[in-house]
């Protein structure tokens, strides 16, 4: 029978430096035999041993094919040329001498300001400045009334459940899809019977019906996306429905209101068909006034002056859109994505 006993380092034989283990066994003569065997030290893993960090391999960007990018740039350039080429040619012709009106040179030549003087002059019977004032009056009144009606209609469609709600939406959609040319004859007959031909109301009321669907749809989409909790919190605090709308929802709808006002004003400013039939020289807007421009005699058409007048009318609108383009885009996309 064999037993195992540890021997301390001090109990090792002389000259020994490592610890020993003592083994005892019985011999055939029933005597005990002791054997000292050097102990094998156990391996201990150091605590500070860490796995070496692997260097992150550099990310390699996958090269995009040039074909789609080139096609995109070609498409963008084609759209810009298609949209801006007429405007560019109008500006070039406006600054070019009338003797070179039909020149095909694509860059400005023979520059002069006489065309703008002719456009603003009243010697030939053209009242361009008066037409601008008329367009401002018609556009401002139309925009204000359309916003006042549209914001309440949009609130009702977005926040209130009532019978016939979708019927109202369908009627508004149908009104926006109705062709303008189909309204010329009945409106002319109606306003003739009322004695409104040549009056501002004959131009403002049809324009309100044209821009009101745009106002309603833009504002309805935005108001629907606003959290109900804002209005409910105001109602809990004691506000009426009207106060919650005026003090909470209306300030938040400012981007959409601003966008709708700009779009409604531009649509009214550019209207020509009904204005050419329902206005006279006293109330005609700027679009009709430009179309009625007269030259120094009955056989000459003042194309250069017409281009100058078109530039004076268009450039302010372009500048306004460029300045407020962020608000316009934010208003148009408001309510498009659910939060």
C-alpha atoms as a PDB file:
ATOM      1  CA  UNK A   1       0.000   0.000   0.000  1.00  0.00           C
ATOM      2  CA  UNK A   2       1.400   3.363  -0.993  1.00  0.00           C
ATOM      3  CA  UNK A   3       0.699   6.798   0.506  1.00  0.00           C
ATOM      4  CA  UNK A   4       1.622  10.285  -0.618  1.00  0.00           C
ATOM      5  CA  UNK A   5       2.833  13.079   1.686  1.00  0.00           C
ATOM      6  CA  UNK A   6       4.098  16.519   0.751  1.00  0.00           C
ATOM      7  CA  UNK A   7       7.500  17.495   2.040  1.00  0.00           C
ATOM      8  CA  UNK A   8       8.212  21.180   2.635  1.00  0.00           C
ATOM      9  CA  UNK A   9      11.061  22.819   0.842  1.00  0.00           C
ATOM     10  CA  UNK A  10      13.138  22.955   4.002  1.00  0.00           C
ATOM     11  CA  UNK A  11      12.788  19.192   4.459  1.00  0.00           C
ATOM     12  CA  UNK A  12      14.404  18.372   1.163  1.00  0.00           C
ATOM     13  CA  UNK A  13      17.822  16.733   1.043  1.00  0.00           C
ATOM     14  CA  UNK A  14      20.897  18.873   1.208  1.00  0.00           C
ATOM     15  CA  UNK A  15      21.669  20.666  -1.969  1.00  0.00           C
ATOM     16  CA  UNK A  16      18.039  20.377  -3.105  1.00  0.00           C
ATOM     17  CA  UNK A  17      16.221  23.525  -4.055  1.00  0.00           C
ATOM     18  CA  UNK A  18      12.885  22.217  -5.320  1.00  0.00           C
ATOM     19  CA  UNK A  19      10.118  20.850  -3.067  1.00  0.00           C
ATOM     20  CA  UNK A  20       9.743  17.089  -2.844  1.00  0.00           C
ATOM     21  CA  UNK A  21       6.886  14.668  -2.355  1.00  0.00           C
ATOM     22  CA  UNK A  22       7.265  11.632  -0.084  1.00  0.00           C
ATOM     23  CA  UNK A  23       5.834   8.295  -1.165  1.00  0.00           C
ATOM     24  CA  UNK A  24       5.610   5.392   1.338  1.00  0.00           C
ATOM     25  CA  UNK A  25       4.936   1.820   0.369  1.00  0.00           C
ATOM     26  CA  UNK A  26       4.881  -1.577   2.125  1.00  0.00           C
ATOM     27  CA  UNK A  27       7.487  -4.081   1.154  1.00  0.00           C
ATOM     28  CA  UNK A  28       6.920  -7.849   1.062  1.00  0.00           C
ATOM     29  CA  UNK A  29       8.600  -8.077   4.491  1.00  0.00           C
ATOM     30  CA  UNK A  30       5.895  -5.770   5.985  1.00  0.00           C
ATOM     31  CA  UNK A  31       8.395  -2.923   6.340  1.00  0.00           C
ATOM     32  CA  UNK A  32       7.786   0.639   5.239  1.00  0.00           C
ATOM     33  CA  UNK A  33       9.865   2.186   2.449  1.00  0.00           C
ATOM     34  CA  UNK A  34      10.004   5.915   1.848  1.00  0.00           C
ATOM     35  CA  UNK A  35      10.784   7.417  -1.554  1.00  0.00           C
ATOM     36  CA  UNK A  36      11.323  11.154  -2.168  1.00  0.00           C
ATOM     37  CA  UNK A  37      10.381  12.359  -5.632  1.00  0.00           C
ATOM     38  CA  UNK A  38      10.757  16.006  -6.733  1.00  0.00           C
ATOM     39  CA  UNK A  39       7.365  17.639  -6.948  1.00  0.00           C
ATOM     40  CA  UNK A  40       6.300  19.053 -10.287  1.00  0.00           C
ATOM     41  CA  UNK A  41       5.159  22.660  -9.813  1.00  0.00           C
ATOM     42  CA  UNK A  42       1.657  23.381 -11.029  1.00  0.00           C
ATOM     43  CA  UNK A  43       1.362  25.832 -13.903  1.00  0.00           C
ATOM     44  CA  UNK A  44      -0.442  29.009 -12.986  1.00  0.00           C
ATOM     45  CA  UNK A  45      -1.708  31.302 -15.735  1.00  0.00           C
ATOM     46  CA  UNK A  46      -0.654  34.906 -15.043  1.00  0.00           C
ATOM     47  CA  UNK A  47      -3.498  37.313 -14.372  1.00  0.00           C
ATOM     48  CA  UNK A  48      -2.176  39.991 -16.670  1.00  0.00           C
ATOM     49  CA  UNK A  49      -2.119  37.766 -19.716  1.00  0.00           C
ATOM     50  CA  UNK A  50      -4.401  39.287 -22.303  1.00  0.00           C
ATOM     51  CA  UNK A  51      -5.298  38.245 -25.747  1.00  0.00           C
ATOM     52  CA  UNK A  52      -3.397  40.375 -28.254  1.00  0.00           C
ATOM     53  CA  UNK A  53      -5.598  42.915 -29.963  1.00  0.00           C
ATOM     54  CA  UNK A  54      -6.277  42.350 -33.576  1.00  0.00           C
ATOM     55  CA  UNK A  55      -5.790  45.291 -35.831  1.00  0.00           C
ATOM     56  CA  UNK A  56      -8.996  46.193 -37.616  1.00  0.00           C
ATOM     57  CA  UNK A  57      -8.694  45.689 -41.304  1.00  0.00           C
ATOM     58  CA  UNK A  58      -9.212  48.906 -43.226  1.00  0.00           C
ATOM     59  CA  UNK A  59     -12.689  49.236 -44.767  1.00  0.00           C
ATOM     60  CA  UNK A  60     -12.555  49.130 -48.487  1.00  0.00           C
ATOM     61  CA  UNK A  61     -15.200  51.135 -50.289  1.00  0.00           C
ATOM     62  CA  UNK A  62     -16.830  49.331 -53.063  1.00  0.00           C
ATOM     63  CA  UNK A  63     -16.334  51.315 -56.211  1.00  0.00           C
ATOM     64  CA  UNK A  64     -19.589  52.515 -57.683  1.00  0.00           C
ATOM     65  CA  UNK A  65     -19.983  52.120 -61.422  1.00  0.00           C
ATOM     66  CA  UNK A  66     -19.724  55.382 -63.317  1.00  0.00           C
ATOM     67  CA  UNK A  67     -22.570  54.599 -65.692  1.00  0.00           C
ATOM     68  CA  UNK A  68     -25.527  55.360 -63.358  1.00  0.00           C
ATOM     69  CA  UNK A  69     -23.848  58.509 -61.992  1.00  0.00           C
ATOM     70  CA  UNK A  70     -23.234  59.835 -65.496  1.00  0.00           C
ATOM     71  CA  UNK A  71     -26.834  59.108 -66.471  1.00  0.00           C
ATOM     72  CA  UNK A  72     -28.085  60.950 -63.379  1.00  0.00           C
ATOM     73  CA  UNK A  73     -26.014  64.029 -64.175  1.00  0.00           C
ATOM     74  CA  UNK A  74     -27.153  63.978 -67.784  1.00  0.00           C
ATOM     75  CA  UNK A  75     -30.780  63.788 -66.652  1.00  0.00           C
ATOM     76  CA  UNK A  76     -30.370  66.673 -64.191  1.00  0.00           C
ATOM     77  CA  UNK A  77     -28.678  68.833 -66.820  1.00  0.00           C
ATOM     78  CA  UNK A  78     -31.396  68.041 -69.365  1.00  0.00           C
ATOM     79  CA  UNK A  79     -34.139  69.031 -66.888  1.00  0.00           C
ATOM     80  CA  UNK A  80     -32.343  72.266 -65.997  1.00  0.00           C
ATOM     81  CA  UNK A  81     -31.888  73.181 -69.649  1.00  0.00           C
ATOM     82  CA  UNK A  82     -35.518  72.323 -70.424  1.00  0.00           C
ATOM     83  CA  UNK A  83     -36.815  74.430 -67.544  1.00  0.00           C
ATOM     84  CA  UNK A  84     -34.404  77.358 -67.565  1.00  0.00           C
ATOM     85  CA  UNK A  85     -33.683  77.803 -71.283  1.00  0.00           C
ATOM     86  CA  UNK A  86     -36.886  79.798 -72.013  1.00  0.00           C
ATOM     87  CA  UNK A  87     -36.306  82.001 -68.979  1.00  0.00           C
ATOM     88  CA  UNK A  88     -32.677  82.567 -69.970  1.00  0.00           C
ATOM     89  CA  UNK A  89     -33.669  83.489 -73.528  1.00  0.00           C
ATOM     90  CA  UNK A  90     -36.296  85.905 -72.233  1.00  0.00           C
ATOM     91  CA  UNK A  91     -33.720  87.695 -70.061  1.00  0.00           C
ATOM     92  CA  UNK A  92     -31.183  87.819 -72.910  1.00  0.00           C
ATOM     93  CA  UNK A  93     -33.757  89.284 -75.306  1.00  0.00           C
ATOM     94  CA  UNK A  94     -34.891  91.800 -72.686  1.00  0.00           C
ATOM     95  CA  UNK A  95     -31.396  93.282 -72.458  1.00  0.00           C
ATOM     96  CA  UNK A  96     -30.715  93.135 -76.210  1.00  0.00           C
ATOM     97  CA  UNK A  97     -31.323  96.020 -78.586  1.00  0.00           C
ATOM     98  CA  UNK A  98     -34.689  95.746 -80.335  1.00  0.00           C
ATOM     99  CA  UNK A  99     -32.964  95.795 -83.728  1.00  0.00           C
ATOM    100  CA  UNK A 100     -31.346  92.444 -82.823  1.00  0.00           C
ATOM    101  CA  UNK A 101     -34.406  90.809 -81.275  1.00  0.00           C
ATOM    102  CA  UNK A 102     -34.311  87.819 -83.613  1.00  0.00           C
ATOM    103  CA  UNK A 103     -30.573  87.271 -83.316  1.00  0.00           C
ATOM    104  CA  UNK A 104     -29.690  83.629 -82.619  1.00  0.00           C
ATOM    105  CA  UNK A 105     -26.585  84.431 -80.588  1.00  0.00           C
ATOM    106  CA  UNK A 106     -26.970  82.438 -77.345  1.00  0.00           C
ATOM    107  CA  UNK A 107     -25.176  84.991 -75.145  1.00  0.00           C
ATOM    108  CA  UNK A 108     -26.093  88.642 -74.441  1.00  0.00           C
ATOM    109  CA  UNK A 109     -25.051  91.092 -77.142  1.00  0.00           C
ATOM    110  CA  UNK A 110     -25.871  94.749 -77.944  1.00  0.00           C
ATOM    111  CA  UNK A 111     -26.962  95.364 -74.360  1.00  0.00           C
ATOM    112  CA  UNK A 112     -29.398  98.174 -73.603  1.00  0.00           C
ATOM    113  CA  UNK A 113     -32.047  99.215 -71.060  1.00  0.00           C
ATOM    114  CA  UNK A 114     -34.370 100.821 -73.589  1.00  0.00           C
ATOM    115  CA  UNK A 115     -36.657  97.793 -73.587  1.00  0.00           C
ATOM    116  CA  UNK A 116     -37.382  98.242 -69.879  1.00  0.00           C
ATOM    117  CA  UNK A 117     -38.101 101.932 -70.423  1.00  0.00           C
ATOM    118  CA  UNK A 118     -40.555 101.014 -73.193  1.00  0.00           C
ATOM    119  CA  UNK A 119     -42.240  98.435 -70.956  1.00  0.00           C
ATOM    120  CA  UNK A 120     -42.744 100.949 -68.139  1.00  0.00           C
ATOM    121  CA  UNK A 121     -43.721 103.802 -70.439  1.00  0.00           C
ATOM    122  CA  UNK A 122     -47.363 104.809 -70.934  1.00  0.00           C
ATOM    123  CA  UNK A 123     -46.794 106.677 -74.212  1.00  0.00           C
ATOM    124  CA  UNK A 124     -48.197 103.815 -76.291  1.00  0.00           C
ATOM    125  CA  UNK A 125     -51.144 103.187 -73.960  1.00  0.00           C
ATOM    126  CA  UNK A 126     -49.504 100.441 -71.883  1.00  0.00           C
ATOM    127  CA  UNK A 127     -50.106 100.777 -68.127  1.00  0.00           C
ATOM    128  CA  UNK A 128     -47.706  98.146 -66.906  1.00  0.00           C
ATOM    129  CA  UNK A 129     -47.252  99.550 -63.385  1.00  0.00           C
ATOM    130  CA  UNK A 130     -51.027  99.788 -62.918  1.00  0.00           C
ATOM    131  CA  UNK A 131     -51.345  96.143 -63.991  1.00  0.00           C
ATOM    132  CA  UNK A 132     -48.751  95.139 -61.400  1.00  0.00           C
ATOM    133  CA  UNK A 133     -50.792  96.915 -58.714  1.00  0.00           C
ATOM    134  CA  UNK A 134     -53.923  95.077 -59.883  1.00  0.00           C
ATOM    135  CA  UNK A 135     -52.134  91.728 -59.721  1.00  0.00           C
ATOM    136  CA  UNK A 136     -50.919  92.525 -56.211  1.00  0.00           C
ATOM    137  CA  UNK A 137     -54.450  93.375 -55.055  1.00  0.00           C
ATOM    138  CA  UNK A 138     -56.012  90.299 -56.658  1.00  0.00           C
ATOM    139  CA  UNK A 139     -53.260  87.982 -55.398  1.00  0.00           C
ATOM    140  CA  UNK A 140     -53.228  89.331 -51.843  1.00  0.00           C
ATOM    141  CA  UNK A 141     -57.014  89.201 -51.392  1.00  0.00           C
ATOM    142  CA  UNK A 142     -57.273  85.760 -52.982  1.00  0.00           C
ATOM    143  CA  UNK A 143     -54.486  84.362 -50.813  1.00  0.00           C
ATOM    144  CA  UNK A 144     -55.893  85.845 -47.594  1.00  0.00           C
ATOM    145  CA  UNK A 145     -59.430  84.569 -48.197  1.00  0.00           C
ATOM    146  CA  UNK A 146     -58.233  81.130 -49.354  1.00  0.00           C
ATOM    147  CA  UNK A 147     -56.071  80.756 -46.235  1.00  0.00           C
ATOM    148  CA  UNK A 148     -58.858  81.899 -43.920  1.00  0.00           C
ATOM    149  CA  UNK A 149     -61.309  79.411 -45.412  1.00  0.00           C
ATOM    150  CA  UNK A 150     -58.792  76.662 -45.967  1.00  0.00           C
ATOM    151  CA  UNK A 151     -57.320  76.575 -42.472  1.00  0.00           C
ATOM    152  CA  UNK A 152     -60.703  76.064 -40.798  1.00  0.00           C
ATOM    153  CA  UNK A 153     -61.778  73.516 -43.399  1.00  0.00           C
ATOM    154  CA  UNK A 154     -58.506  71.651 -42.984  1.00  0.00           C
ATOM    155  CA  UNK A 155     -58.882  71.632 -39.187  1.00  0.00           C
ATOM    156  CA  UNK A 156     -62.367  70.169 -39.467  1.00  0.00           C
ATOM    157  CA  UNK A 157     -61.244  67.476 -41.922  1.00  0.00           C
ATOM    158  CA  UNK A 158     -58.161  66.590 -39.877  1.00  0.00           C
ATOM    159  CA  UNK A 159     -59.481  66.744 -36.289  1.00  0.00           C
ATOM    160  CA  UNK A 160     -63.250  66.352 -36.273  1.00  0.00           C
ATOM    161  CA  UNK A 161     -65.239  63.248 -37.149  1.00  0.00           C
ATOM    162  CA  UNK A 162     -68.575  64.100 -38.720  1.00  0.00           C
ATOM    163  CA  UNK A 163     -71.049  62.524 -41.101  1.00  0.00           C
ATOM    164  CA  UNK A 164     -70.273  63.189 -44.755  1.00  0.00           C
ATOM    165  CA  UNK A 165     -66.619  63.990 -44.114  1.00  0.00           C
ATOM    166  CA  UNK A 166     -65.327  61.989 -47.062  1.00  0.00           C
ATOM    167  CA  UNK A 167     -68.040  63.410 -49.287  1.00  0.00           C
ATOM    168  CA  UNK A 168     -66.675  66.891 -48.580  1.00  0.00           C
ATOM    169  CA  UNK A 169     -63.172  65.690 -49.447  1.00  0.00           C
ATOM    170  CA  UNK A 170     -64.471  64.239 -52.709  1.00  0.00           C
ATOM    171  CA  UNK A 171     -66.228  67.476 -53.639  1.00  0.00           C
ATOM    172  CA  UNK A 172     -63.051  69.470 -53.017  1.00  0.00           C
ATOM    173  CA  UNK A 173     -61.048  67.016 -55.105  1.00  0.00           C
ATOM    174  CA  UNK A 174     -63.596  67.197 -57.916  1.00  0.00           C
ATOM    175  CA  UNK A 175     -63.489  70.988 -57.898  1.00  0.00           C
ATOM    176  CA  UNK A 176     -59.712  70.948 -58.254  1.00  0.00           C
ATOM    177  CA  UNK A 177     -59.907  68.606 -61.250  1.00  0.00           C
ATOM    178  CA  UNK A 178     -62.496  70.624 -63.151  1.00  0.00           C
ATOM    179  CA  UNK A 179     -61.001  72.213 -66.303  1.00  0.00           C
ATOM    180  CA  UNK A 180     -60.827  75.993 -66.263  1.00  0.00           C
ATOM    181  CA  UNK A 181     -61.864  76.390 -69.877  1.00  0.00           C
ATOM    182  CA  UNK A 182     -65.205  74.749 -69.084  1.00  0.00           C
ATOM    183  CA  UNK A 183     -65.965  77.560 -66.602  1.00  0.00           C
ATOM    184  CA  UNK A 184     -65.352  80.467 -68.953  1.00  0.00           C
ATOM    185  CA  UNK A 185     -68.791  80.648 -70.545  1.00  0.00           C
ATOM    186  CA  UNK A 186     -70.941  80.154 -67.396  1.00  0.00           C
ATOM    187  CA  UNK A 187     -68.829  82.570 -65.355  1.00  0.00           C
ATOM    188  CA  UNK A 188     -68.919  85.191 -68.082  1.00  0.00           C
ATOM    189  CA  UNK A 189     -72.700  84.884 -68.335  1.00  0.00           C
ATOM    190  CA  UNK A 190     -73.145  84.993 -64.549  1.00  0.00           C
ATOM    191  CA  UNK A 191     -70.918  88.024 -64.007  1.00  0.00           C
ATOM    192  CA  UNK A 192     -72.465  89.817 -66.974  1.00  0.00           C
ATOM    193  CA  UNK A 193     -75.911  89.424 -65.400  1.00  0.00           C
ATOM    194  CA  UNK A 194     -74.512  90.730 -62.096  1.00  0.00           C
ATOM    195  CA  UNK A 195     -72.687  93.617 -63.748  1.00  0.00           C
ATOM    196  CA  UNK A 196     -69.332  92.446 -62.425  1.00  0.00           C
ATOM    197  CA  UNK A 197     -67.378  92.381 -65.684  1.00  0.00           C
ATOM    198  CA  UNK A 198     -64.335  94.584 -65.181  1.00  0.00           C
ATOM    199  CA  UNK A 199     -64.650  94.454 -61.373  1.00  0.00           C
ATOM    200  CA  UNK A 200     -62.151  92.987 -58.934  1.00  0.00           C
ATOM    201  CA  UNK A 201     -64.652  90.536 -57.453  1.00  0.00           C
ATOM    202  CA  UNK A 202     -65.083  88.913 -60.866  1.00  0.00           C
ATOM    203  CA  UNK A 203     -61.372  88.057 -60.791  1.00  0.00           C
ATOM    204  CA  UNK A 204     -60.991  87.253 -57.096  1.00  0.00           C
ATOM    205  CA  UNK A 205     -63.880  84.815 -56.589  1.00  0.00           C
ATOM    206  CA  UNK A 206     -62.874  82.373 -59.394  1.00  0.00           C
ATOM    207  CA  UNK A 207     -59.257  82.461 -58.228  1.00  0.00           C
ATOM    208  CA  UNK A 208     -60.338  81.573 -54.691  1.00  0.00           C
ATOM    209  CA  UNK A 209     -62.124  78.492 -56.028  1.00  0.00           C
ATOM    210  CA  UNK A 210     -58.957  77.501 -57.900  1.00  0.00           C
ATOM    211  CA  UNK A 211     -56.470  77.820 -55.026  1.00  0.00           C
ATOM    212  CA  UNK A 212     -58.771  76.654 -52.207  1.00  0.00           C
ATOM    213  CA  UNK A 213     -58.353  72.888 -52.946  1.00  0.00           C
ATOM    214  CA  UNK A 214     -54.577  73.287 -52.863  1.00  0.00           C
ATOM    215  CA  UNK A 215     -54.851  75.131 -49.552  1.00  0.00           C
ATOM    216  CA  UNK A 216     -57.129  72.518 -48.016  1.00  0.00           C
ATOM    217  CA  UNK A 217     -55.057  69.521 -49.036  1.00  0.00           C
ATOM    218  CA  UNK A 218     -51.735  71.015 -47.949  1.00  0.00           C
ATOM    219  CA  UNK A 219     -53.012  72.113 -44.538  1.00  0.00           C
ATOM    220  CA  UNK A 220     -55.055  68.948 -43.926  1.00  0.00           C
ATOM    221  CA  UNK A 221     -51.989  66.777 -44.438  1.00  0.00           C
ATOM    222  CA  UNK A 222     -49.989  68.881 -41.983  1.00  0.00           C
ATOM    223  CA  UNK A 223     -52.659  69.162 -39.290  1.00  0.00           C
ATOM    224  CA  UNK A 224     -53.343  65.427 -39.430  1.00  0.00           C
ATOM    225  CA  UNK A 225     -49.693  64.738 -38.643  1.00  0.00           C
ATOM    226  CA  UNK A 226     -49.646  66.960 -35.542  1.00  0.00           C
ATOM    227  CA  UNK A 227     -49.899  64.975 -32.254  1.00  0.00           C
ATOM    228  CA  UNK A 228     -53.353  64.878 -30.720  1.00  0.00           C
ATOM    229  CA  UNK A 229     -51.769  65.125 -27.276  1.00  0.00           C
ATOM    230  CA  UNK A 230     -50.952  68.822 -27.818  1.00  0.00           C
ATOM    231  CA  UNK A 231     -54.579  69.750 -28.296  1.00  0.00           C
ATOM    232  CA  UNK A 232     -55.751  67.434 -25.529  1.00  0.00           C
ATOM    233  CA  UNK A 233     -53.284  68.977 -23.063  1.00  0.00           C
ATOM    234  CA  UNK A 234     -54.583  72.440 -23.887  1.00  0.00           C
ATOM    235  CA  UNK A 235     -58.184  71.260 -23.426  1.00  0.00           C
ATOM    236  CA  UNK A 236     -57.297  69.731 -20.051  1.00  0.00           C
ATOM    237  CA  UNK A 237     -55.782  73.054 -18.990  1.00  0.00           C
ATOM    238  CA  UNK A 238     -59.127  74.715 -19.615  1.00  0.00           C
ATOM    239  CA  UNK A 239     -58.786  75.966 -23.187  1.00  0.00           C
ATOM    240  CA  UNK A 240     -61.716  75.700 -25.542  1.00  0.00           C
ATOM    241  CA  UNK A 241     -61.367  73.983 -28.902  1.00  0.00           C
ATOM    242  CA  UNK A 242     -60.975  77.347 -30.602  1.00  0.00           C
ATOM    243  CA  UNK A 243     -58.350  78.518 -28.126  1.00  0.00           C
ATOM    244  CA  UNK A 244     -56.396  75.264 -28.501  1.00  0.00           C
ATOM    245  CA  UNK A 245     -56.481  75.687 -32.253  1.00  0.00           C
ATOM    246  CA  UNK A 246     -55.463  79.350 -32.181  1.00  0.00           C
ATOM    247  CA  UNK A 247     -52.811  79.152 -29.460  1.00  0.00           C
ATOM    248  CA  UNK A 248     -51.325  75.670 -29.985  1.00  0.00           C
ATOM    249  CA  UNK A 249     -51.954  74.251 -33.451  1.00  0.00           C
ATOM    250  CA  UNK A 250     -51.878  77.410 -35.538  1.00  0.00           C
ATOM    251  CA  UNK A 251     -48.331  78.457 -34.508  1.00  0.00           C
ATOM    252  CA  UNK A 252     -47.098  74.937 -35.261  1.00  0.00           C
ATOM    253  CA  UNK A 253     -48.717  75.088 -38.695  1.00  0.00           C
ATOM    254  CA  UNK A 254     -46.781  78.234 -39.672  1.00  0.00           C
ATOM    255  CA  UNK A 255     -44.497  76.427 -42.202  1.00  0.00           C
ATOM    256  CA  UNK A 256     -47.481  74.908 -43.997  1.00  0.00           C
ATOM    257  CA  UNK A 257     -49.351  78.232 -43.944  1.00  0.00           C
ATOM    258  CA  UNK A 258     -46.341  80.023 -45.370  1.00  0.00           C
ATOM    259  CA  UNK A 259     -45.941  77.473 -48.142  1.00  0.00           C
ATOM    260  CA  UNK A 260     -49.618  77.518 -49.016  1.00  0.00           C
ATOM    261  CA  UNK A 261     -49.663  81.316 -49.128  1.00  0.00           C
ATOM    262  CA  UNK A 262     -46.735  81.427 -51.565  1.00  0.00           C
ATOM    263  CA  UNK A 263     -48.199  78.776 -53.847  1.00  0.00           C
ATOM    264  CA  UNK A 264     -51.646  80.382 -53.816  1.00  0.00           C
ATOM    265  CA  UNK A 265     -50.205  83.805 -54.591  1.00  0.00           C
ATOM    266  CA  UNK A 266     -48.095  82.476 -57.479  1.00  0.00           C
ATOM    267  CA  UNK A 267     -51.067  80.591 -58.948  1.00  0.00           C
ATOM    268  CA  UNK A 268     -53.197  83.744 -58.786  1.00  0.00           C
ATOM    269  CA  UNK A 269     -50.396  85.902 -60.191  1.00  0.00           C
ATOM    270  CA  UNK A 270     -50.016  83.622 -63.246  1.00  0.00           C
ATOM    271  CA  UNK A 271     -53.727  83.225 -64.067  1.00  0.00           C
ATOM    272  CA  UNK A 272     -54.533  84.454 -67.580  1.00  0.00           C
ATOM    273  CA  UNK A 273     -57.522  82.732 -69.172  1.00  0.00           C
ATOM    274  CA  UNK A 274     -60.358  84.082 -67.023  1.00  0.00           C
ATOM    275  CA  UNK A 275     -58.628  87.414 -66.440  1.00  0.00           C
ATOM    276  CA  UNK A 276     -58.428  88.071 -70.180  1.00  0.00           C
ATOM    277  CA  UNK A 277     -62.245  87.803 -70.455  1.00  0.00           C
ATOM    278  CA  UNK A 278     -63.467  89.178 -67.118  1.00  0.00           C
ATOM    279  CA  UNK A 279     -61.244  92.272 -66.785  1.00  0.00           C
ATOM    280  CA  UNK A 280     -60.912  95.617 -68.525  1.00  0.00           C
ATOM    281  CA  UNK A 281     -58.116  98.150 -68.818  1.00  0.00           C
ATOM    282  CA  UNK A 282     -58.776  99.396 -65.291  1.00  0.00           C
ATOM    283  CA  UNK A 283     -58.626  95.999 -63.538  1.00  0.00           C
ATOM    284  CA  UNK A 284     -56.530  93.854 -65.857  1.00  0.00           C
ATOM    285  CA  UNK A 285     -53.681  91.942 -64.126  1.00  0.00           C
ATOM    286  CA  UNK A 286     -50.112  91.935 -65.348  1.00  0.00           C
ATOM    287  CA  UNK A 287     -50.471  88.769 -67.441  1.00  0.00           C
ATOM    288  CA  UNK A 288     -53.227  90.346 -69.526  1.00  0.00           C
ATOM    289  CA  UNK A 289     -51.423  93.684 -69.745  1.00  0.00           C
ATOM    290  CA  UNK A 290     -48.311  92.036 -71.220  1.00  0.00           C
ATOM    291  CA  UNK A 291     -50.409  90.190 -73.799  1.00  0.00           C
ATOM    292  CA  UNK A 292     -52.005  93.518 -74.841  1.00  0.00           C
ATOM    293  CA  UNK A 293     -48.730  95.390 -75.256  1.00  0.00           C
ATOM    294  CA  UNK A 294     -48.807  97.671 -78.281  1.00  0.00           C
ATOM    295  CA  UNK A 295     -45.925  98.933 -80.374  1.00  0.00           C
ATOM    296  CA  UNK A 296     -45.375 102.387 -81.876  1.00  0.00           C
ATOM    297  CA  UNK A 297     -47.716 101.459 -84.733  1.00  0.00           C
ATOM    298  CA  UNK A 298     -50.302  98.833 -85.549  1.00  0.00           C
ATOM    299  CA  UNK A 299     -47.912  96.805 -87.704  1.00  0.00           C
ATOM    300  CA  UNK A 300     -45.048  96.320 -85.232  1.00  0.00           C
ATOM    301  CA  UNK A 301     -45.115  94.017 -82.230  1.00  0.00           C
ATOM    302  CA  UNK A 302     -42.851  95.090 -79.324  1.00  0.00           C
ATOM    303  CA  UNK A 303     -41.283  91.702 -78.649  1.00  0.00           C
ATOM    304  CA  UNK A 304     -38.286  93.161 -76.812  1.00  0.00           C
ATOM    305  CA  UNK A 305     -40.528  95.248 -74.533  1.00  0.00           C
ATOM    306  CA  UNK A 306     -42.701  92.188 -73.870  1.00  0.00           C
ATOM    307  CA  UNK A 307     -39.600  90.229 -72.867  1.00  0.00           C
ATOM    308  CA  UNK A 308     -38.527  93.062 -70.579  1.00  0.00           C
ATOM    309  CA  UNK A 309     -41.960  93.127 -68.950  1.00  0.00           C
ATOM    310  CA  UNK A 310     -41.881  89.364 -68.532  1.00  0.00           C
ATOM    311  CA  UNK A 311     -38.489  89.644 -66.857  1.00  0.00           C
ATOM    312  CA  UNK A 312     -39.776  92.289 -64.450  1.00  0.00           C
ATOM    313  CA  UNK A 313     -42.707  90.055 -63.540  1.00  0.00           C
ATOM    314  CA  UNK A 314     -40.827  86.768 -63.262  1.00  0.00           C
ATOM    315  CA  UNK A 315     -37.558  87.702 -61.563  1.00  0.00           C
ATOM    316  CA  UNK A 316     -39.169  88.816 -58.245  1.00  0.00           C
ATOM    317  CA  UNK A 317     -41.072  85.524 -58.026  1.00  0.00           C
ATOM    318  CA  UNK A 318     -37.922  83.517 -58.734  1.00  0.00           C
ATOM    319  CA  UNK A 319     -35.987  85.452 -56.081  1.00  0.00           C
ATOM    320  CA  UNK A 320     -38.781  84.940 -53.550  1.00  0.00           C
ATOM    321  CA  UNK A 321     -38.878  81.195 -54.200  1.00  0.00           C
ATOM    322  CA  UNK A 322     -35.086  80.914 -53.913  1.00  0.00           C
ATOM    323  CA  UNK A 323     -35.080  82.798 -50.610  1.00  0.00           C
ATOM    324  CA  UNK A 324     -37.900  80.779 -49.056  1.00  0.00           C
ATOM    325  CA  UNK A 325     -37.228  77.437 -50.761  1.00  0.00           C
ATOM    326  CA  UNK A 326     -36.511  75.661 -47.455  1.00  0.00           C
ATOM    327  CA  UNK A 327     -39.815  76.759 -45.978  1.00  0.00           C
ATOM    328  CA  UNK A 328     -41.624  75.787 -49.168  1.00  0.00           C
ATOM    329  CA  UNK A 329     -40.089  72.307 -49.221  1.00  0.00           C
ATOM    330  CA  UNK A 330     -40.669  71.770 -45.484  1.00  0.00           C
ATOM    331  CA  UNK A 331     -44.289  72.835 -45.867  1.00  0.00           C
ATOM    332  CA  UNK A 332     -44.897  70.587 -48.867  1.00  0.00           C
ATOM    333  CA  UNK A 333     -43.312  67.551 -47.191  1.00  0.00           C
ATOM    334  CA  UNK A 334     -44.985  68.182 -43.816  1.00  0.00           C
ATOM    335  CA  UNK A 335     -47.372  65.371 -43.025  1.00  0.00           C
ATOM    336  CA  UNK A 336     -45.954  63.177 -45.770  1.00  0.00           C
ATOM    337  CA  UNK A 337     -44.279  60.797 -43.289  1.00  0.00           C
ATOM    338  CA  UNK A 338     -45.844  59.584 -40.080  1.00  0.00           C
ATOM    339  CA  UNK A 339     -43.655  60.178 -37.037  1.00  0.00           C
END
